[in-house]
Amino acid sequence: MAAPKKGRRSPGGQGRPGRVLAFILIAMVALTGGMFASGHTTPRLGIDLAGGTSFTLQAKNQPGKPNAITTTNMNTAVGIIERRVNGLGVSESEVQTQGKNHIIVNIPKGMNAKQAREQVGTTAQLAFRPVLMAAPSGKLPEPTPSASTGGKDKDKKDKPSGTPSASSGSTPSATPSGKHTQGRAVTEALKAPQAPKPTPTPTPSGGSSGDLQKQFATLDCSTPAARSDAAKAADRAKATDNVVVCDKDGQEKMLLGPVGVEGVDVTEAKAALDTQRATGWQVQLKFNGSGAKKFADITGKLAAKAPPQNRFAIVMDGESVSAPQLSAAIPGGSAEISGNFTQSSAQDLANILSYGALPLSFDIVTETTVSAALGGEQLRAGLIAGAIGLALVVIYLVAYYRGLALVALASLACSAVLTYTIMVLLGPAIGFALNLPAVCGAIVAIGITADSFIVYFERIRDEVRDGRTLRPAVERAWPRARRTILVSDFVSFLAAAVLFIVTVGKVQGFAFTLGLTTLLDVVVVFLFTKPLMTILARRKFFASGHPWSGLDPKRLGVKPPLRSSRRRPSASADPKEA
């Protein structure tokens, strides 16, 4: 048989275990440092552990739709509200129906309750309306007699004596695909305040234009009460009525025309960073077939007008959330809203456009602060029980594996540090909240991790029983143990993934934690346990089979060395053959 080439390592061998250990230790230090640098040193807790805020929403039929409260519509509303509150993260907010016409929304402590209230409360009445007049917030001079609609001269046009102007600054602009340059040029040209050309104001079906002009002139959007009254009045108006609204910040008031496009015509809206023109964040939206036609028609008409009548207000629950300028007709059913957006403001507007059109409207009938479902005594008792169980596992490992138990405990400690720091960092990153089922998932994962160590240790002990010394036993045992560990962890991770996909609420927290800790088990076994065993196999305490090492040949019932069975007497030593 040809001798193996010099320098070739056995399969599964690890030539530089120290570097691998250094890598995972550096990763642990980096995660711990990132945790302290972020200012978050404890995981976010779910409602059952830390309490939170609970909203009760009551569904009501929209005008002209007396039978809208159905099981299908309520379930649709739950899904939309849940996406708006939770986004794509794991924030552990709970949204569920109660009875036939109520939805319960539970927000964990630590989330922005005010922002959540706005997201939950603004769930309907989304519409696109043309801007007829616009002015900064505050009262305007009283209309002069010549502006009165009740006059006898029909040739005179209705307008307030103080002519409103477009608000200064860069107003968000809507542009079609392929017309970025033109839209940008128009936006730049409109940065300076410009007085709108006086145009006749259509008379709404619900009242005279004079009444609306007086309301517009006297409205002061800087006060919350005035904004609320204006929003309620706009909500009561019909789609064919003109309305007076405030913007969401109370900085501007607008007189808007009839609804041009309804919110239900929006099929998709998302926030995106414009990397080609470097204009910052923008909101991209798409319309369905009928919405695309209506949007193209009305944007073409508005683009030909002077400011501020070339603007298209996006109205949510009687309040303007955005009023971009138009530079040209926008065909094709796609548009972009650009302006002084931040990532957060662009995402908020995209959420409103995506999820604003519910089949029902809702009122927040109750808002209460709920205490933790588990009291301090119950939580303390659960932690004590977990500590007792962990102590029993440690005692068993020490009694059975002795010195090898130190490897198992060090690996468990490594896994605990990685799990804890990642959970803490995932709180502010994706809204992950640790609830009681998630804690159970982490406890179950301890058993999965310990099982991986046991598989590897038993493979090593089998090799020692076959008469091999420790160093080759560690390397020969690794390929077989590795396959078993990977198969076992794959099954656990697959179960966690299925649970996360098909379940909701607290069960998702259990599945998420179980999946995360299962992945970390693979990392710890490959990058910590295996290289640590390779290093310890070179130490005399373990290599010599010390009685307290857990690898004592006598206790393991080692077989005689294989080389002793191959010895045969030489031919010349046989006296009969001589």
Protein backbone atom coordinates (compact mmCIF):
# COMPACT_ATOMS: atom_id res chain seq x y z
CA MET A 1 0.00 0.00 0.00
CA ALA A 2 1.33 3.42 -0.86
CA ALA A 3 2.05 5.62 2.11
CA PRO A 4 -0.07 8.78 2.43
CA LYS A 5 1.53 11.94 1.18
CA LYS A 6 3.37 13.91 3.76
CA GLY A 7 1.41 16.81 5.19
CA ARG A 8 -2.06 15.53 4.19
CA ARG A 9 -4.59 15.80 7.01
CA SER A 10 -7.24 13.25 7.78
CA PRO A 11 -10.78 13.97 6.62
CA GLY A 12 -12.53 16.32 8.99
CA GLY A 13 -9.27 17.48 10.45
CA GLN A 14 -8.86 21.05 11.56
CA GLY A 15 -5.33 22.35 11.25
CA ARG A 16 -5.73 25.73 12.98
CA PRO A 17 -8.46 25.51 15.64
CA GLY A 18 -7.09 28.55 17.45
CA ARG A 19 -8.00 30.85 14.56
CA VAL A 20 -11.53 29.52 14.44
CA LEU A 21 -11.96 30.06 18.18
CA ALA A 22 -10.55 33.57 17.85
CA PHE A 23 -13.08 34.33 15.08
CA ILE A 24 -16.14 33.40 17.14
CA LEU A 25 -14.78 35.14 20.23
CA ILE A 26 -14.28 38.32 18.19
CA ALA A 27 -17.85 37.99 16.90
CA MET A 28 -19.13 37.69 20.48
CA VAL A 29 -17.18 40.77 21.56
CA ALA A 30 -18.46 42.72 18.53
CA LEU A 31 -22.09 41.80 19.22
CA THR A 32 -21.73 42.69 22.89
CA GLY A 33 -20.09 46.00 22.01
CA GLY A 34 -22.83 46.76 19.49
CA MET A 35 -25.45 46.03 22.14
CA PHE A 36 -23.94 48.55 24.58
CA ALA A 37 -23.30 51.08 21.82
CA SER A 38 -26.96 50.94 20.77
CA GLY A 39 -28.05 51.81 24.30
CA HIS A 40 -30.22 48.68 24.54
CA THR A 41 -28.94 46.12 27.05
CA THR A 42 -32.15 44.17 27.67
CA PRO A 43 -34.58 42.58 25.19
CA ARG A 44 -37.89 44.23 24.42
CA LEU A 45 -40.64 42.41 26.28
CA GLY A 46 -44.05 41.46 24.95
CA ILE A 47 -47.39 42.40 26.45
CA ASP A 48 -47.55 39.27 28.63
CA LEU A 49 -44.24 40.20 30.28
CA ALA A 50 -44.19 44.01 30.25
CA GLY A 51 -47.73 45.21 29.54
CA GLY A 52 -48.74 47.71 26.86
CA THR A 53 -51.70 49.52 25.31
CA SER A 54 -54.93 48.03 24.04
CA PHE A 55 -57.26 49.62 21.47
CA THR A 56 -60.81 48.52 20.75
CA LEU A 57 -62.04 49.45 17.26
CA GLN A 58 -65.71 49.42 16.35
CA ALA A 59 -66.59 48.87 12.70
CA LYS A 60 -69.26 50.95 11.02
CA ASN A 61 -70.78 50.89 7.59
CA GLN A 62 -69.64 53.48 5.11
CA PRO A 63 -72.30 55.71 3.50
CA GLY A 64 -74.08 53.85 0.75
CA LYS A 65 -72.79 50.45 1.94
CA PRO A 66 -75.23 49.30 4.64
CA ASN A 67 -74.10 45.66 4.68
CA ALA A 68 -70.32 46.07 4.68
CA ILE A 69 -69.77 44.49 8.13
CA THR A 70 -69.17 40.88 7.12
CA THR A 71 -66.75 38.19 8.27
CA THR A 72 -64.71 38.56 5.09
CA ASN A 73 -64.40 42.33 5.42
CA MET A 74 -63.53 42.10 9.12
CA ASN A 75 -60.79 39.56 8.40
CA THR A 76 -59.48 41.78 5.61
CA ALA A 77 -59.42 44.72 8.01
CA VAL A 78 -57.52 42.67 10.61
CA GLY A 79 -54.86 41.74 8.06
CA ILE A 80 -54.45 45.33 6.89
CA ILE A 81 -54.26 46.79 10.41
CA GLU A 82 -51.82 44.08 11.48
CA ARG A 83 -49.49 44.88 8.57
CA ARG A 84 -49.69 48.59 9.31
CA VAL A 85 -48.87 48.13 13.00
CA ASN A 86 -46.30 45.37 12.73
CA GLY A 87 -44.80 46.16 9.32
CA LEU A 88 -42.36 43.33 8.31
CA GLY A 89 -40.79 42.89 11.72
CA VAL A 90 -41.58 40.70 14.68
CA SER A 91 -43.03 43.30 17.03
CA GLU A 92 -45.52 40.94 18.71
CA SER A 93 -48.48 43.30 18.35
CA GLU A 94 -51.78 41.45 18.42
CA VAL A 95 -54.72 42.23 16.14
CA GLN A 96 -57.83 40.04 16.37
CA THR A 97 -61.59 40.25 15.97
CA GLN A 98 -63.96 40.24 18.93
CA GLY A 99 -67.57 39.53 18.20
CA LYS A 100 -69.05 40.67 14.89
CA ASN A 101 -67.99 44.32 14.71
CA HIS A 102 -65.00 44.87 17.02
CA ILE A 103 -61.25 44.52 16.54
CA ILE A 104 -58.81 44.41 19.46
CA VAL A 105 -55.29 45.79 18.89
CA ASN A 106 -52.67 45.16 21.60
CA ILE A 107 -49.45 47.20 21.40
CA PRO A 108 -46.51 46.07 23.59
CA LYS A 109 -44.92 48.52 25.98
CA GLY A 110 -41.95 50.25 24.38
CA MET A 111 -43.58 50.83 20.99
CA ASN A 112 -44.59 54.34 19.99
CA ALA A 113 -48.20 54.29 21.18
CA LYS A 114 -48.99 57.66 19.59
CA GLN A 115 -47.76 56.53 16.18
CA ALA A 116 -49.59 53.22 16.57
CA ARG A 117 -52.78 55.10 17.45
CA GLU A 118 -52.47 57.15 14.28
CA GLN A 119 -51.84 54.04 12.19
CA VAL A 120 -54.83 52.26 13.75
CA GLY A 121 -57.15 55.27 13.70
CA THR A 122 -56.56 56.34 10.09
CA THR A 123 -57.86 53.26 8.39
CA ALA A 124 -60.39 54.50 5.85
CA GLN A 125 -61.64 57.38 3.69
CA LEU A 126 -58.59 57.59 1.44
CA ALA A 127 -59.11 59.74 -1.66
CA PHE A 128 -57.27 61.94 -4.18
CA ARG A 129 -58.76 65.44 -4.53
CA PRO A 130 -57.58 68.41 -6.66
CA VAL A 131 -56.42 71.52 -4.79
CA LEU A 132 -58.50 74.61 -5.58
CA MET A 133 -56.97 76.99 -3.04
CA ALA A 134 -54.14 76.76 -0.54
CA ALA A 135 -52.78 79.05 2.14
CA PRO A 136 -50.56 78.88 5.21
CA SER A 137 -52.34 77.97 8.41
CA GLY A 138 -54.12 80.86 10.13
CA LYS A 139 -57.06 83.15 9.62
CA LEU A 140 -57.27 85.21 6.45
CA PRO A 141 -58.95 88.62 6.15
CA GLU A 142 -62.72 88.43 5.95
CA PRO A 143 -64.06 88.18 2.36
CA THR A 144 -65.01 91.51 0.81
CA PRO A 145 -68.56 92.10 -0.42
CA SER A 146 -67.36 91.79 -4.01
CA ALA A 147 -66.35 88.19 -3.28
CA SER A 148 -69.75 87.21 -1.97
CA THR A 149 -71.61 84.58 -3.89
CA GLY A 150 -74.92 86.08 -2.99
CA GLY A 151 -74.29 89.21 -5.12
CA LYS A 152 -76.36 90.26 -8.08
CA ASP A 153 -73.52 90.60 -10.58
CA LYS A 154 -73.13 87.19 -12.20
CA ASP A 155 -70.00 88.22 -14.07
CA LYS A 156 -68.02 88.64 -10.85
CA LYS A 157 -65.94 85.67 -9.74
CA ASP A 158 -65.89 84.25 -6.22
CA LYS A 159 -62.65 84.73 -4.36
CA PRO A 160 -61.50 85.77 -0.89
CA SER A 161 -60.05 89.26 -0.58
CA GLY A 162 -56.75 87.89 0.67
CA THR A 163 -55.54 85.87 -2.27
CA PRO A 164 -53.95 82.65 -0.93
CA SER A 165 -50.64 81.53 -2.33
CA ALA A 166 -48.80 78.29 -2.57
CA SER A 167 -46.75 77.61 0.54
CA SER A 168 -43.09 78.33 0.17
CA GLY A 169 -40.48 75.64 0.11
CA SER A 170 -40.12 72.53 -1.95
CA THR A 171 -43.50 70.87 -2.31
CA PRO A 172 -43.53 67.15 -3.13
CA SER A 173 -44.12 66.57 -6.81
CA ALA A 174 -45.68 63.64 -8.63
CA THR A 175 -43.99 62.59 -11.87
CA PRO A 176 -44.63 59.82 -14.36
CA SER A 177 -42.01 57.27 -15.31
CA GLY A 178 -39.79 58.62 -18.07
CA LYS A 179 -40.59 62.29 -17.28
CA HIS A 180 -38.26 62.83 -14.34
CA THR A 181 -36.36 65.74 -15.88
CA GLN A 182 -39.46 67.71 -16.74
CA GLY A 183 -41.07 67.10 -13.37
CA ARG A 184 -37.92 68.12 -11.56
CA ALA A 185 -37.62 71.35 -13.55
CA VAL A 186 -41.20 72.30 -12.79
CA THR A 187 -40.70 71.52 -9.10
CA GLU A 188 -37.62 73.77 -8.94
CA ALA A 189 -39.50 76.56 -10.69
CA LEU A 190 -42.32 76.36 -8.17
CA LYS A 191 -40.18 76.60 -5.04
CA ALA A 192 -40.84 80.33 -4.70
CA PRO A 193 -44.30 81.38 -3.48
CA GLN A 194 -46.62 82.15 -6.33
CA ALA A 195 -50.11 83.58 -6.26
CA PRO A 196 -52.70 81.37 -7.91
CA LYS A 197 -54.77 82.73 -10.72
CA PRO A 198 -58.31 83.44 -9.55
CA THR A 199 -60.61 80.80 -10.91
CA PRO A 200 -64.26 80.05 -10.27
CA THR A 201 -64.83 77.63 -7.45
CA PRO A 202 -67.41 74.93 -8.26
CA THR A 203 -70.41 74.98 -5.99
CA PRO A 204 -70.60 71.82 -3.90
CA SER A 205 -73.76 69.85 -3.57
CA GLY A 206 -73.71 70.24 0.19
CA GLY A 207 -73.61 74.07 0.33
CA SER A 208 -72.62 77.28 -1.37
CA SER A 209 -69.10 78.17 -2.38
CA GLY A 210 -69.41 81.30 -0.22
CA ASP A 211 -69.83 79.19 2.90
CA LEU A 212 -66.74 77.16 2.01
CA GLN A 213 -64.72 80.27 1.27
CA LYS A 214 -65.66 81.73 4.63
CA GLN A 215 -64.74 78.46 6.32
CA PHE A 216 -61.46 78.43 4.41
CA ALA A 217 -60.66 82.03 5.38
CA THR A 218 -61.41 81.59 9.08
CA LEU A 219 -59.90 78.13 9.58
CA ASP A 220 -56.83 78.07 11.81
CA CYS A 221 -55.14 74.69 11.38
CA SER A 222 -52.58 75.41 14.13
CA THR A 223 -55.05 74.29 16.81
CA PRO A 224 -55.85 70.55 17.23
CA ALA A 225 -59.53 71.29 17.85
CA ALA A 226 -59.87 73.18 14.58
CA ARG A 227 -58.10 70.41 12.66
CA SER A 228 -60.38 67.81 14.22
CA ASP A 229 -63.54 69.77 13.38
CA ALA A 230 -62.36 70.28 9.78
CA ALA A 231 -61.55 66.56 9.43
CA LYS A 232 -64.97 65.53 10.74
CA ALA A 233 -66.71 67.91 8.36
CA ALA A 234 -64.67 66.60 5.43
CA ASP A 235 -65.48 63.02 6.41
CA ARG A 236 -69.20 63.79 6.36
CA ALA A 237 -68.97 65.31 2.90
CA LYS A 238 -69.84 63.34 -0.21
CA ALA A 239 -67.33 62.40 -2.88
CA THR A 240 -68.85 65.05 -5.17
CA ASP A 241 -68.54 67.84 -2.56
CA ASN A 242 -65.77 70.39 -2.17
CA VAL A 243 -64.13 70.27 1.24
CA VAL A 244 -61.79 72.36 3.41
CA VAL A 245 -58.99 70.41 5.08
CA CYS A 246 -55.74 70.91 6.97
CA ASP A 247 -52.49 69.14 6.27
CA LYS A 248 -51.27 66.57 8.79
CA ASP A 249 -48.78 69.00 10.38
CA GLY A 250 -51.23 71.88 10.69
CA GLN A 251 -49.01 74.11 8.53
CA GLU A 252 -51.33 74.55 5.57
CA LYS A 253 -55.03 74.64 4.79
CA MET A 254 -56.60 73.76 1.47
CA LEU A 255 -59.88 74.01 -0.37
CA LEU A 256 -60.24 70.78 -2.33
CA GLY A 257 -62.47 69.75 -5.20
CA PRO A 258 -64.50 66.53 -5.63
CA VAL A 259 -62.79 63.14 -5.36
CA GLY A 260 -60.84 62.39 -8.53
CA VAL A 261 -59.50 58.94 -7.63
CA GLU A 262 -60.54 56.73 -4.71
CA GLY A 263 -58.14 54.96 -2.41
CA VAL A 264 -59.43 51.54 -3.44
CA ASP A 265 -57.91 52.16 -6.87
CA VAL A 266 -54.37 52.02 -5.43
CA THR A 267 -52.93 48.52 -5.88
CA GLU A 268 -49.38 49.07 -4.61
CA ALA A 269 -47.34 51.74 -2.86
CA LYS A 270 -43.81 51.52 -1.52
CA ALA A 271 -41.01 53.76 -0.31
CA ALA A 272 -37.82 53.65 -2.39
CA LEU A 273 -34.51 55.48 -2.49
CA ASP A 274 -33.86 57.26 -5.79
CA THR A 275 -30.29 56.23 -6.55
CA GLN A 276 -30.26 57.33 -10.19
CA ARG A 277 -30.99 61.02 -9.68
CA ALA A 278 -29.92 61.15 -6.02
CA THR A 279 -33.08 63.05 -5.07
CA GLY A 280 -33.59 61.09 -1.87
CA TRP A 281 -36.56 59.01 -0.77
CA GLN A 282 -39.73 58.83 -2.82
CA VAL A 283 -43.04 56.96 -2.83
CA GLN A 284 -43.87 54.80 -5.84
CA LEU A 285 -47.50 53.86 -6.42
CA LYS A 286 -49.55 51.90 -8.94
CA PHE A 287 -53.27 51.97 -9.81
CA ASN A 288 -55.70 49.40 -11.13
CA GLY A 289 -57.23 49.70 -14.59
CA SER A 290 -60.03 52.15 -13.77
CA GLY A 291 -57.85 54.09 -11.36
CA ALA A 292 -55.10 54.47 -13.96
CA LYS A 293 -57.52 56.02 -16.46
CA LYS A 294 -59.03 58.42 -13.92
CA PHE A 295 -55.56 59.35 -12.62
CA ALA A 296 -54.27 60.07 -16.14
CA ASP A 297 -57.30 62.23 -16.99
CA ILE A 298 -57.25 64.37 -13.89
CA THR A 299 -53.47 64.78 -13.72
CA GLY A 300 -53.49 66.00 -17.31
CA LYS A 301 -56.06 68.67 -16.44
CA LEU A 302 -54.29 69.74 -13.23
CA ALA A 303 -50.83 69.92 -14.82
CA ALA A 304 -52.03 72.65 -17.18
CA LYS A 305 -53.09 74.92 -14.31
CA ALA A 306 -51.13 77.46 -12.29
CA PRO A 307 -50.10 76.84 -8.69
CA PRO A 308 -51.59 75.82 -6.36
CA GLN A 309 -54.24 74.33 -8.65
CA ASN A 310 -51.70 71.97 -10.21
CA ARG A 311 -51.58 70.00 -6.96
CA PHE A 312 -53.33 66.76 -6.12
CA ALA A 313 -54.08 66.25 -2.42
CA ILE A 314 -54.04 62.77 -0.87
CA VAL A 315 -56.71 62.91 1.82
CA MET A 316 -56.94 60.40 4.64
CA ASP A 317 -59.84 60.67 7.09
CA GLY A 318 -60.45 64.32 6.32
CA GLU A 319 -56.81 65.38 6.49
CA SER A 320 -54.25 65.98 3.73
CA VAL A 321 -51.25 63.69 4.19
CA SER A 322 -49.53 64.93 1.03
CA ALA A 323 -50.26 67.37 -1.81
CA PRO A 324 -47.70 66.91 -4.61
CA GLN A 325 -47.44 69.20 -7.61
CA LEU A 326 -48.01 67.91 -11.13
CA SER A 327 -45.93 68.81 -14.16
CA ALA A 328 -47.60 66.61 -16.79
CA ALA A 329 -50.27 63.99 -17.24
CA ILE A 330 -49.32 60.65 -15.67
CA PRO A 331 -50.52 57.75 -17.83
CA GLY A 332 -49.76 54.07 -17.44
CA GLY A 333 -51.05 53.61 -13.92
CA SER A 334 -47.70 54.33 -12.21
CA ALA A 335 -46.47 57.49 -10.47
CA GLU A 336 -43.77 58.71 -8.13
CA ILE A 337 -44.15 61.21 -5.31
CA SER A 338 -40.86 62.94 -4.53
CA GLY A 339 -39.91 65.82 -2.27
CA ASN A 340 -38.27 66.39 1.10
CA PHE A 341 -38.97 62.86 2.31
CA THR A 342 -37.04 61.01 4.98
CA GLN A 343 -37.09 57.23 5.01
CA SER A 344 -39.61 57.27 7.85
CA SER A 345 -41.96 59.82 6.25
CA ALA A 346 -41.81 58.05 2.88
CA GLN A 347 -42.63 54.72 4.53
CA ASP A 348 -45.50 56.27 6.49
CA LEU A 349 -47.04 57.70 3.33
CA ALA A 350 -46.54 54.39 1.51
CA ASN A 351 -48.31 52.58 4.36
CA ILE A 352 -51.23 54.97 4.18
CA LEU A 353 -51.51 54.52 0.43
CA SER A 354 -51.12 50.74 0.61
CA TYR A 355 -53.35 49.98 3.55
CA GLY A 356 -55.55 53.03 3.83
CA ALA A 357 -58.50 51.81 1.81
CA LEU A 358 -60.35 49.38 4.06
CA PRO A 359 -63.75 47.91 3.21
CA LEU A 360 -64.99 49.42 6.51
CA SER A 361 -64.45 52.50 8.64
CA PHE A 362 -63.57 52.24 12.34
CA ASP A 363 -63.80 54.31 15.50
CA ILE A 364 -61.49 53.86 18.49
CA VAL A 365 -64.08 53.30 21.24
CA THR A 366 -61.66 52.42 24.07
CA GLU A 367 -57.96 52.87 24.71
CA THR A 368 -56.59 51.31 27.86
CA THR A 369 -53.20 50.55 29.34
CA VAL A 370 -52.97 46.87 30.25
CA SER A 371 -50.68 45.37 32.87
CA ALA A 372 -48.46 42.35 32.31
CA ALA A 373 -50.37 39.08 32.00
CA LEU A 374 -47.79 37.48 34.27
CA GLY A 375 -47.33 39.12 37.66
CA GLY A 376 -43.95 39.58 39.24
CA GLU A 377 -44.39 36.54 41.49
CA GLN A 378 -45.37 34.24 38.64
CA LEU A 379 -42.46 35.42 36.48
CA ARG A 380 -40.03 34.99 39.36
CA ALA A 381 -41.34 31.47 40.00
CA GLY A 382 -40.89 30.58 36.35
CA LEU A 383 -37.29 31.82 36.33
CA ILE A 384 -36.53 29.85 39.49
CA ALA A 385 -37.99 26.70 37.94
CA GLY A 386 -35.87 27.22 34.83
CA ALA A 387 -32.75 27.73 36.93
CA ILE A 388 -33.43 24.52 38.86
CA GLY A 389 -33.85 22.57 35.62
CA LEU A 390 -30.61 23.99 34.22
CA ALA A 391 -28.79 23.12 37.45
CA LEU A 392 -29.98 19.50 37.20
CA VAL A 393 -28.69 19.33 33.62
CA VAL A 394 -25.31 20.66 34.75
CA ILE A 395 -25.12 18.12 37.57
CA TYR A 396 -25.90 15.28 35.16
CA LEU A 397 -23.26 16.46 32.66
CA VAL A 398 -20.59 16.71 35.35
CA ALA A 399 -21.48 13.31 36.81
CA TYR A 400 -21.53 11.50 33.48
CA TYR A 401 -19.01 13.37 31.31
CA ARG A 402 -16.78 14.85 34.02
CA GLY A 403 -14.08 16.88 32.24
CA LEU A 404 -16.03 16.92 28.96
CA ALA A 405 -18.80 18.69 30.87
CA LEU A 406 -16.59 21.79 30.90
CA VAL A 407 -16.63 21.79 27.11
CA ALA A 408 -20.42 21.47 27.10
CA LEU A 409 -20.87 24.26 29.66
CA ALA A 410 -18.49 26.57 27.80
CA SER A 411 -20.40 25.89 24.56
CA LEU A 412 -23.71 26.59 26.29
CA ALA A 413 -22.31 29.84 27.64
CA CYS A 414 -21.16 30.83 24.12
CA SER A 415 -24.62 30.04 22.73
CA ALA A 416 -26.27 32.03 25.54
CA VAL A 417 -24.14 35.13 24.83
CA LEU A 418 -24.87 34.98 21.10
CA THR A 419 -28.60 34.41 21.65
CA TYR A 420 -28.97 37.18 24.21
CA THR A 421 -27.06 39.85 22.28
CA ILE A 422 -28.83 39.06 19.01
CA MET A 423 -32.25 39.19 20.69
CA VAL A 424 -31.41 42.56 22.23
CA LEU A 425 -30.21 43.97 18.90
CA LEU A 426 -33.26 42.62 17.04
CA GLY A 427 -35.54 44.68 19.30
CA PRO A 428 -34.74 48.10 17.80
CA ALA A 429 -33.80 46.56 14.42
CA ILE A 430 -36.99 44.69 13.50
CA GLY A 431 -39.23 45.21 16.51
CA PHE A 432 -38.67 41.76 18.02
CA ALA A 433 -40.38 41.42 21.42
CA LEU A 434 -39.66 38.61 23.86
CA ASN A 435 -42.85 37.05 25.21
CA LEU A 436 -43.40 33.96 27.33
CA PRO A 437 -43.69 31.51 24.39
CA ALA A 438 -40.44 32.94 23.00
CA VAL A 439 -38.77 32.24 26.34
CA CYS A 440 -40.07 28.67 26.11
CA GLY A 441 -38.55 28.40 22.64
CA ALA A 442 -35.17 29.47 24.01
CA ILE A 443 -35.41 26.90 26.83
CA VAL A 444 -36.28 24.14 24.36
CA ALA A 445 -33.28 25.18 22.27
CA ILE A 446 -30.98 24.56 25.25
CA GLY A 447 -31.89 20.90 25.01
CA ILE A 448 -31.25 20.88 21.27
CA THR A 449 -27.83 22.46 21.77
CA ALA A 450 -26.89 20.07 24.59
CA ASP A 451 -27.98 17.15 22.41
CA SER A 452 -25.48 18.23 19.72
CA PHE A 453 -22.63 18.14 22.25
CA ILE A 454 -23.69 14.72 23.47
CA VAL A 455 -23.75 13.32 19.92
CA TYR A 456 -20.18 14.49 19.36
CA PHE A 457 -18.91 13.28 22.75
CA GLU A 458 -20.40 9.83 22.27
CA ARG A 459 -18.78 9.52 18.83
CA ILE A 460 -15.42 10.38 20.38
CA ARG A 461 -15.90 7.84 23.17
CA ASP A 462 -16.81 5.17 20.60
CA GLU A 463 -13.53 5.83 18.81
CA VAL A 464 -11.63 5.57 22.10
CA ARG A 465 -13.38 2.27 22.85
CA ASP A 466 -12.04 0.96 19.55
CA GLY A 467 -8.54 1.48 20.87
CA ARG A 468 -7.62 4.79 19.25
CA THR A 469 -5.83 7.58 21.04
CA LEU A 470 -7.69 10.83 21.67
CA ARG A 471 -6.31 13.05 18.89
CA PRO A 472 -7.28 10.74 15.99
CA ALA A 473 -10.49 9.85 17.83
CA VAL A 474 -11.55 13.52 17.88
CA GLU A 475 -10.93 13.89 14.14
CA ARG A 476 -12.48 10.56 13.08
CA ALA A 477 -15.57 11.14 15.21
CA TRP A 478 -16.29 14.60 13.75
CA PRO A 479 -17.56 13.66 10.23
CA ARG A 480 -20.05 11.15 11.62
CA ALA A 481 -21.23 13.47 14.40
CA ARG A 482 -21.43 16.40 11.99
CA ARG A 483 -23.90 14.62 9.72
CA THR A 484 -26.13 13.67 12.64
CA ILE A 485 -26.08 17.19 14.09
CA LEU A 486 -26.91 18.84 10.75
CA VAL A 487 -29.83 16.48 10.08
CA SER A 488 -31.22 17.01 13.58
CA ASP A 489 -30.92 20.80 13.42
CA PHE A 490 -32.41 20.91 9.93
CA VAL A 491 -35.53 19.10 11.16
CA SER A 492 -35.85 21.50 14.11
CA PHE A 493 -35.36 24.57 11.92
CA LEU A 494 -37.88 23.28 9.35
CA ALA A 495 -40.49 22.81 12.08
CA ALA A 496 -39.80 26.33 13.39
CA ALA A 497 -40.10 27.83 9.90
CA VAL A 498 -43.42 26.10 9.23
CA LEU A 499 -44.78 27.27 12.60
CA PHE A 500 -43.70 30.83 11.90
CA ILE A 501 -45.36 30.88 8.47
CA VAL A 502 -48.70 29.27 9.31
CA THR A 503 -49.32 30.77 12.78
CA VAL A 504 -49.86 34.25 14.22
CA GLY A 505 -49.39 36.06 17.50
CA LYS A 506 -47.47 34.51 20.36
CA VAL A 507 -46.83 31.21 18.57
CA GLN A 508 -44.74 33.12 16.04
CA GLY A 509 -42.53 34.31 18.89
CA PHE A 510 -41.92 30.70 19.92
CA ALA A 511 -41.14 29.66 16.35
CA PHE A 512 -38.85 32.64 15.71
CA THR A 513 -36.79 32.01 18.85
CA LEU A 514 -36.58 28.27 18.19
CA GLY A 515 -35.37 28.86 14.63
CA LEU A 516 -32.81 31.46 15.72
CA THR A 517 -31.33 29.29 18.46
CA THR A 518 -31.23 26.26 16.16
CA LEU A 519 -29.11 28.21 13.67
CA LEU A 520 -26.85 29.37 16.50
CA ASP A 521 -26.44 25.75 17.61
CA VAL A 522 -24.82 24.93 14.27
CA VAL A 523 -22.56 27.97 14.58
CA VAL A 524 -21.46 27.09 18.11
CA VAL A 525 -20.80 23.39 17.41
CA PHE A 526 -18.80 24.09 14.25
CA LEU A 527 -16.90 27.19 15.38
CA PHE A 528 -16.53 26.61 19.13
CA THR A 529 -17.09 23.04 20.33
CA LYS A 530 -15.13 21.25 17.59
CA PRO A 531 -12.02 23.50 17.65
CA LEU A 532 -12.05 23.50 21.46
CA MET A 533 -12.03 19.69 21.51
CA THR A 534 -9.18 19.68 18.98
CA ILE A 535 -7.11 21.87 21.30
CA LEU A 536 -7.98 19.91 24.47
CA ALA A 537 -7.08 16.62 22.77
CA ARG A 538 -3.47 17.85 22.76
CA ARG A 539 -3.48 18.39 26.54
CA LYS A 540 -2.15 15.66 28.77
CA PHE A 541 -5.16 15.69 31.09
CA PHE A 542 -7.49 14.56 28.31
CA ALA A 543 -5.01 12.77 26.04
CA SER A 544 -3.82 10.45 28.82
CA GLY A 545 -7.36 9.46 29.76
CA HIS A 546 -7.36 10.92 33.26
CA PRO A 547 -10.15 9.41 35.40
CA TRP A 548 -11.80 12.86 35.65
CA SER A 549 -11.47 13.67 31.97
CA GLY A 550 -14.53 11.70 30.94
CA LEU A 551 -12.34 9.65 28.60
CA ASP A 552 -10.89 7.10 31.02
CA PRO A 553 -10.12 3.94 28.95
CA LYS A 554 -10.98 1.64 31.86
CA ARG A 555 -14.41 3.17 32.36
CA LEU A 556 -15.10 3.09 28.63
CA GLY A 557 -14.07 -0.59 28.31
CA VAL A 558 -11.34 -0.03 25.73
CA LYS A 559 -10.57 -3.04 23.50
CA PRO A 560 -6.99 -4.30 23.10
CA PRO A 561 -4.95 -2.34 20.55
CA LEU A 562 -5.54 -3.46 16.99
CA ARG A 563 -1.81 -3.93 16.35
CA SER A 564 -1.56 -6.76 18.96
CA SER A 565 -3.87 -9.02 16.96
CA ARG A 566 -1.62 -8.75 13.87
CA ARG A 567 1.51 -10.22 15.49
CA ARG A 568 2.58 -13.65 14.09
CA PRO A 569 5.67 -15.78 14.87
CA SER A 570 8.32 -15.75 12.15
CA ALA A 571 8.98 -18.87 10.00
CA SER A 572 12.53 -19.29 11.28
CA ALA A 573 11.29 -19.46 14.84
CA ASP A 574 9.35 -22.70 14.26
CA PRO A 575 11.57 -25.64 15.33
CA LYS A 576 9.54 -28.15 13.34
CA GLU A 577 10.12 -26.31 10.09
CA ALA A 578 13.80 -26.03 10.89
